[in-house]
Amino acid sequence: MNAGTTASGAGSRAGDDIEKLGKALAAEHAALFAYGLLGARTSGSLRAKMSAAYDAHRARRDQLRSYITSRGGRPVEPEASYMLPFFPSNATLAAKLAVQLEAGVTAAYLELAAARDVKLRRYAALAMQESVARSYAFRPDQPAAFPGMPAPATPPATPPATPSGNPAGG
């Protein structure tokens, strides 16, 4: 049994929440590891985004640790190293990896959104919202405002002006 769980129904429910919190914490540990690597391998505005993501994940990690200990659980410690799906050898790959990281964190919080504690469900929903928003900041092309809707018609191009200031041909 996990720390903080008992054979009673109430203890079991609390244990379920602690287990979900632990999975979210493990995802935050992995994200911190990867963002530390990404921040060291990027520069300029991309590095600033990576640093901001690192700080956000560190704050979430600290909050999760607090939630676990306040419920009588023992927070999972980070691994010494994490396997990345690919090595980010350039800025494009670094941004692609950041998007994948945020998707993984979002999935971990999705499970926490099923917690019995209403406060934890709200916390998970807000964390997912932040993670998804962060992932879009790393994407080169932003999604359509209303996916599935046809793109608006583009206005016709205006003809180039001639040196006299009149449109060409007139």
C-alpha atoms as a PDB file:
ATOM      1  CA  MET A   1       0.000   0.000   0.000  1.00  0.00           C
ATOM      2  CA  ASN A   2       1.087   3.574  -0.594  1.00  0.00           C
ATOM      3  CA  ALA A   3       2.053   5.792   2.285  1.00  0.00           C
ATOM      4  CA  GLY A   4      -1.044   7.299   3.830  1.00  0.00           C
ATOM      5  CA  THR A   5      -3.443   4.557   2.740  1.00  0.00           C
ATOM      6  CA  THR A   6      -5.377   2.299   5.061  1.00  0.00           C
ATOM      7  CA  ALA A   7      -7.856  -0.496   4.667  1.00  0.00           C
ATOM      8  CA  SER A   8     -10.759   1.873   5.391  1.00  0.00           C
ATOM      9  CA  GLY A   9     -12.650   3.486   2.542  1.00  0.00           C
ATOM     10  CA  ALA A  10     -11.632   7.016   3.511  1.00  0.00           C
ATOM     11  CA  GLY A  11      -7.964   6.082   3.725  1.00  0.00           C
ATOM     12  CA  SER A  12      -8.162   4.257   0.411  1.00  0.00           C
ATOM     13  CA  ARG A  13      -9.683   7.292  -1.299  1.00  0.00           C
ATOM     14  CA  ALA A  14      -6.962   9.511   0.176  1.00  0.00           C
ATOM     15  CA  GLY A  15      -4.404   6.972  -1.025  1.00  0.00           C
ATOM     16  CA  ASP A  16      -5.844   7.136  -4.539  1.00  0.00           C
ATOM     17  CA  ASP A  17      -5.396  10.904  -4.525  1.00  0.00           C
ATOM     18  CA  ILE A  18      -1.847  10.550  -3.183  1.00  0.00           C
ATOM     19  CA  GLU A  19      -1.034   8.097  -5.967  1.00  0.00           C
ATOM     20  CA  LYS A  20      -2.386  10.525  -8.585  1.00  0.00           C
ATOM     21  CA  LEU A  21      -0.424  13.363  -7.003  1.00  0.00           C
ATOM     22  CA  GLY A  22       2.689  11.184  -7.139  1.00  0.00           C
ATOM     23  CA  LYS A  23       2.255  10.577 -10.862  1.00  0.00           C
ATOM     24  CA  ALA A  24       1.880  14.300 -11.497  1.00  0.00           C
ATOM     25  CA  LEU A  25       4.966  14.938  -9.365  1.00  0.00           C
ATOM     26  CA  ALA A  26       6.952  12.363 -11.350  1.00  0.00           C
ATOM     27  CA  ALA A  27       5.926  14.137 -14.571  1.00  0.00           C
ATOM     28  CA  GLU A  28       7.078  17.466 -13.115  1.00  0.00           C
ATOM     29  CA  HIS A  29      10.440  15.949 -12.163  1.00  0.00           C
ATOM     30  CA  ALA A  30      10.904  14.724 -15.732  1.00  0.00           C
ATOM     31  CA  ALA A  31       9.894  18.105 -17.152  1.00  0.00           C
ATOM     32  CA  LEU A  32      12.370  19.893 -14.898  1.00  0.00           C
ATOM     33  CA  PHE A  33      15.167  17.586 -16.030  1.00  0.00           C
ATOM     34  CA  ALA A  34      14.373  18.167 -19.704  1.00  0.00           C
ATOM     35  CA  TYR A  35      13.865  21.929 -19.409  1.00  0.00           C
ATOM     36  CA  GLY A  36      17.207  22.194 -17.614  1.00  0.00           C
ATOM     37  CA  LEU A  37      18.816  20.543 -20.628  1.00  0.00           C
ATOM     38  CA  LEU A  38      16.802  22.607 -23.117  1.00  0.00           C
ATOM     39  CA  GLY A  39      17.576  25.885 -21.379  1.00  0.00           C
ATOM     40  CA  ALA A  40      21.283  25.128 -21.590  1.00  0.00           C
ATOM     41  CA  ARG A  41      21.056  24.342 -25.318  1.00  0.00           C
ATOM     42  CA  THR A  42      19.003  27.296 -26.515  1.00  0.00           C
ATOM     43  CA  SER A  43      19.430  31.045 -26.697  1.00  0.00           C
ATOM     44  CA  GLY A  44      17.488  34.257 -27.131  1.00  0.00           C
ATOM     45  CA  SER A  45      13.722  34.302 -26.836  1.00  0.00           C
ATOM     46  CA  LEU A  46      13.490  30.503 -26.988  1.00  0.00           C
ATOM     47  CA  ARG A  47      15.782  30.237 -23.977  1.00  0.00           C
ATOM     48  CA  ALA A  48      13.616  32.772 -22.136  1.00  0.00           C
ATOM     49  CA  LYS A  49      10.547  30.597 -22.845  1.00  0.00           C
ATOM     50  CA  MET A  50      12.411  27.496 -21.662  1.00  0.00           C
ATOM     51  CA  SER A  51      13.465  29.273 -18.456  1.00  0.00           C
ATOM     52  CA  ALA A  52       9.917  30.449 -17.800  1.00  0.00           C
ATOM     53  CA  ALA A  53       8.637  26.894 -18.324  1.00  0.00           C
ATOM     54  CA  TYR A  54      11.308  25.586 -15.943  1.00  0.00           C
ATOM     55  CA  ASP A  55      10.218  28.066 -13.271  1.00  0.00           C
ATOM     56  CA  ALA A  56       6.538  27.180 -13.743  1.00  0.00           C
ATOM     57  CA  HIS A  57       7.244  23.457 -13.442  1.00  0.00           C
ATOM     58  CA  ARG A  58       9.412  24.012 -10.376  1.00  0.00           C
ATOM     59  CA  ALA A  59       6.544  25.863  -8.676  1.00  0.00           C
ATOM     60  CA  ARG A  60       4.127  23.056  -9.587  1.00  0.00           C
ATOM     61  CA  ARG A  61       6.583  20.462  -8.287  1.00  0.00           C
ATOM     62  CA  ASP A  62       6.888  22.247  -4.960  1.00  0.00           C
ATOM     63  CA  GLN A  63       3.101  22.528  -4.638  1.00  0.00           C
ATOM     64  CA  LEU A  64       2.625  18.837  -5.420  1.00  0.00           C
ATOM     65  CA  ARG A  65       5.190  17.871  -2.785  1.00  0.00           C
ATOM     66  CA  SER A  66       3.278  19.964  -0.285  1.00  0.00           C
ATOM     67  CA  TYR A  67      -0.050  18.355  -1.221  1.00  0.00           C
ATOM     68  CA  ILE A  68       1.402  14.866  -0.835  1.00  0.00           C
ATOM     69  CA  THR A  69       3.027  15.480   2.545  1.00  0.00           C
ATOM     70  CA  SER A  70      -0.058  17.259   3.899  1.00  0.00           C
ATOM     71  CA  ARG A  71      -2.050  14.117   3.088  1.00  0.00           C
ATOM     72  CA  GLY A  72       0.422  11.866   4.888  1.00  0.00           C
ATOM     73  CA  GLY A  73       2.186  10.604   1.776  1.00  0.00           C
ATOM     74  CA  ARG A  74       5.844  10.544   0.860  1.00  0.00           C
ATOM     75  CA  PRO A  75       6.724  12.474  -2.311  1.00  0.00           C
ATOM     76  CA  VAL A  76       8.520  10.546  -5.030  1.00  0.00           C
ATOM     77  CA  GLU A  77      12.088  11.739  -5.553  1.00  0.00           C
ATOM     78  CA  PRO A  78      13.421  12.618  -9.003  1.00  0.00           C
ATOM     79  CA  GLU A  79      15.420  10.138 -11.015  1.00  0.00           C
ATOM     80  CA  ALA A  80      19.103  10.859 -11.609  1.00  0.00           C
ATOM     81  CA  SER A  81      18.444  11.059 -15.344  1.00  0.00           C
ATOM     82  CA  TYR A  82      15.561  10.673 -17.777  1.00  0.00           C
ATOM     83  CA  MET A  83      15.444   9.150 -21.245  1.00  0.00           C
ATOM     84  CA  LEU A  84      14.407  11.737 -23.815  1.00  0.00           C
ATOM     85  CA  PRO A  85      12.521  10.657 -26.952  1.00  0.00           C
ATOM     86  CA  PHE A  86      15.197  12.353 -29.078  1.00  0.00           C
ATOM     87  CA  PHE A  87      18.197  14.607 -28.643  1.00  0.00           C
ATOM     88  CA  PRO A  88      17.416  18.298 -29.286  1.00  0.00           C
ATOM     89  CA  SER A  89      20.351  19.246 -31.527  1.00  0.00           C
ATOM     90  CA  ASN A  90      18.841  22.538 -32.733  1.00  0.00           C
ATOM     91  CA  ALA A  91      16.210  25.111 -31.789  1.00  0.00           C
ATOM     92  CA  THR A  92      13.483  23.450 -33.859  1.00  0.00           C
ATOM     93  CA  LEU A  93      13.993  20.116 -32.120  1.00  0.00           C
ATOM     94  CA  ALA A  94      14.209  21.828 -28.726  1.00  0.00           C
ATOM     95  CA  ALA A  95      10.817  23.433 -29.301  1.00  0.00           C
ATOM     96  CA  LYS A  96       9.403  20.122 -30.544  1.00  0.00           C
ATOM     97  CA  LEU A  97      10.640  18.383 -27.392  1.00  0.00           C
ATOM     98  CA  ALA A  98       9.103  21.122 -25.221  1.00  0.00           C
ATOM     99  CA  VAL A  99       5.726  20.504 -26.886  1.00  0.00           C
ATOM    100  CA  GLN A 100       6.044  16.776 -26.151  1.00  0.00           C
ATOM    101  CA  LEU A 101       7.031  17.479 -22.545  1.00  0.00           C
ATOM    102  CA  GLU A 102       3.976  19.623 -22.006  1.00  0.00           C
ATOM    103  CA  ALA A 103       1.751  16.922 -23.523  1.00  0.00           C
ATOM    104  CA  GLY A 104       3.174  14.394 -21.054  1.00  0.00           C
ATOM    105  CA  VAL A 105       2.638  16.725 -18.109  1.00  0.00           C
ATOM    106  CA  THR A 106      -0.900  17.415 -19.288  1.00  0.00           C
ATOM    107  CA  ALA A 107      -1.616  13.668 -19.387  1.00  0.00           C
ATOM    108  CA  ALA A 108      -0.380  13.251 -15.807  1.00  0.00           C
ATOM    109  CA  TYR A 109      -2.615  16.069 -14.618  1.00  0.00           C
ATOM    110  CA  LEU A 110      -5.547  14.604 -16.535  1.00  0.00           C
ATOM    111  CA  GLU A 111      -5.390  11.619 -14.208  1.00  0.00           C
ATOM    112  CA  LEU A 112      -5.224  13.952 -11.188  1.00  0.00           C
ATOM    113  CA  ALA A 113      -8.360  15.677 -12.476  1.00  0.00           C
ATOM    114  CA  ALA A 114     -10.205  12.505 -11.439  1.00  0.00           C
ATOM    115  CA  ALA A 115      -9.161  12.971  -7.795  1.00  0.00           C
ATOM    116  CA  ARG A 116     -11.817  12.737  -5.104  1.00  0.00           C
ATOM    117  CA  ASP A 117     -10.757  16.053  -3.573  1.00  0.00           C
ATOM    118  CA  VAL A 118     -12.449  18.959  -5.373  1.00  0.00           C
ATOM    119  CA  LYS A 119      -9.458  21.240  -4.693  1.00  0.00           C
ATOM    120  CA  LEU A 120      -7.145  18.762  -6.395  1.00  0.00           C
ATOM    121  CA  ARG A 121      -9.443  18.514  -9.410  1.00  0.00           C
ATOM    122  CA  ARG A 122      -9.385  22.304  -9.744  1.00  0.00           C
ATOM    123  CA  TYR A 123      -5.611  22.358  -9.300  1.00  0.00           C
ATOM    124  CA  ALA A 124      -5.221  19.710 -12.008  1.00  0.00           C
ATOM    125  CA  ALA A 125      -7.504  21.560 -14.417  1.00  0.00           C
ATOM    126  CA  LEU A 126      -5.545  24.778 -13.990  1.00  0.00           C
ATOM    127  CA  ALA A 127      -2.238  22.945 -14.376  1.00  0.00           C
ATOM    128  CA  MET A 128      -3.447  21.335 -17.610  1.00  0.00           C
ATOM    129  CA  GLN A 129      -4.603  24.695 -18.917  1.00  0.00           C
ATOM    130  CA  GLU A 130      -1.192  26.230 -18.210  1.00  0.00           C
ATOM    131  CA  SER A 131       0.646  23.294 -19.733  1.00  0.00           C
ATOM    132  CA  VAL A 132      -1.367  23.339 -22.943  1.00  0.00           C
ATOM    133  CA  ALA A 133      -0.976  27.108 -23.258  1.00  0.00           C
ATOM    134  CA  ARG A 134       2.782  26.735 -22.734  1.00  0.00           C
ATOM    135  CA  SER A 135       2.969  24.053 -25.411  1.00  0.00           C
ATOM    136  CA  TYR A 136       1.396  26.394 -27.960  1.00  0.00           C
ATOM    137  CA  ALA A 137       4.043  29.011 -27.203  1.00  0.00           C
ATOM    138  CA  PHE A 138       6.643  26.532 -28.522  1.00  0.00           C
ATOM    139  CA  ARG A 139       4.792  25.629 -31.723  1.00  0.00           C
ATOM    140  CA  PRO A 140       5.919  27.372 -34.913  1.00  0.00           C
ATOM    141  CA  ASP A 141       2.388  27.605 -36.307  1.00  0.00           C
ATOM    142  CA  GLN A 142      -0.507  28.537 -34.089  1.00  0.00           C
ATOM    143  CA  PRO A 143      -3.751  26.622 -34.551  1.00  0.00           C
ATOM    144  CA  ALA A 144      -6.733  28.213 -36.195  1.00  0.00           C
ATOM    145  CA  ALA A 145      -8.883  30.268 -33.868  1.00  0.00           C
ATOM    146  CA  PHE A 146     -11.829  28.023 -34.659  1.00  0.00           C
ATOM    147  CA  PRO A 147     -10.546  24.619 -35.843  1.00  0.00           C
ATOM    148  CA  GLY A 148     -12.733  23.151 -38.531  1.00  0.00           C
ATOM    149  CA  MET A 149     -14.039  26.500 -39.757  1.00  0.00           C
ATOM    150  CA  PRO A 150     -12.986  27.613 -43.239  1.00  0.00           C
ATOM    151  CA  ALA A 151     -10.205  30.161 -43.315  1.00  0.00           C
ATOM    152  CA  PRO A 152     -11.333  33.737 -43.977  1.00  0.00           C
ATOM    153  CA  ALA A 153     -11.021  34.948 -47.541  1.00  0.00           C
ATOM    154  CA  THR A 154      -7.910  36.989 -48.107  1.00  0.00           C
ATOM    155  CA  PRO A 155      -8.427  40.480 -49.500  1.00  0.00           C
ATOM    156  CA  PRO A 156      -7.307  40.958 -53.105  1.00  0.00           C
ATOM    157  CA  ALA A 157      -3.780  42.210 -53.517  1.00  0.00           C
ATOM    158  CA  THR A 158      -3.551  45.871 -54.427  1.00  0.00           C
ATOM    159  CA  PRO A 159      -1.609  46.595 -57.582  1.00  0.00           C
ATOM    160  CA  PRO A 160       1.806  48.163 -57.059  1.00  0.00           C
ATOM    161  CA  ALA A 161       1.974  51.941 -57.397  1.00  0.00           C
ATOM    162  CA  THR A 162       3.915  53.501 -60.262  1.00  0.00           C
ATOM    163  CA  PRO A 163       6.418  56.317 -59.689  1.00  0.00           C
ATOM    164  CA  SER A 164       3.676  58.825 -60.541  1.00  0.00           C
ATOM    165  CA  GLY A 165       1.592  57.462 -57.660  1.00  0.00           C
ATOM    166  CA  ASN A 166      -1.070  55.943 -59.940  1.00  0.00           C
ATOM    167  CA  PRO A 167      -1.722  52.216 -59.913  1.00  0.00           C
ATOM    168  CA  ALA A 168       0.014  50.331 -62.696  1.00  0.00           C
ATOM    169  CA  GLY A 169      -1.854  50.340 -65.961  1.00  0.00           C
ATOM    170  CA  GLY A 170      -3.980  53.369 -65.214  1.00  0.00           C
END
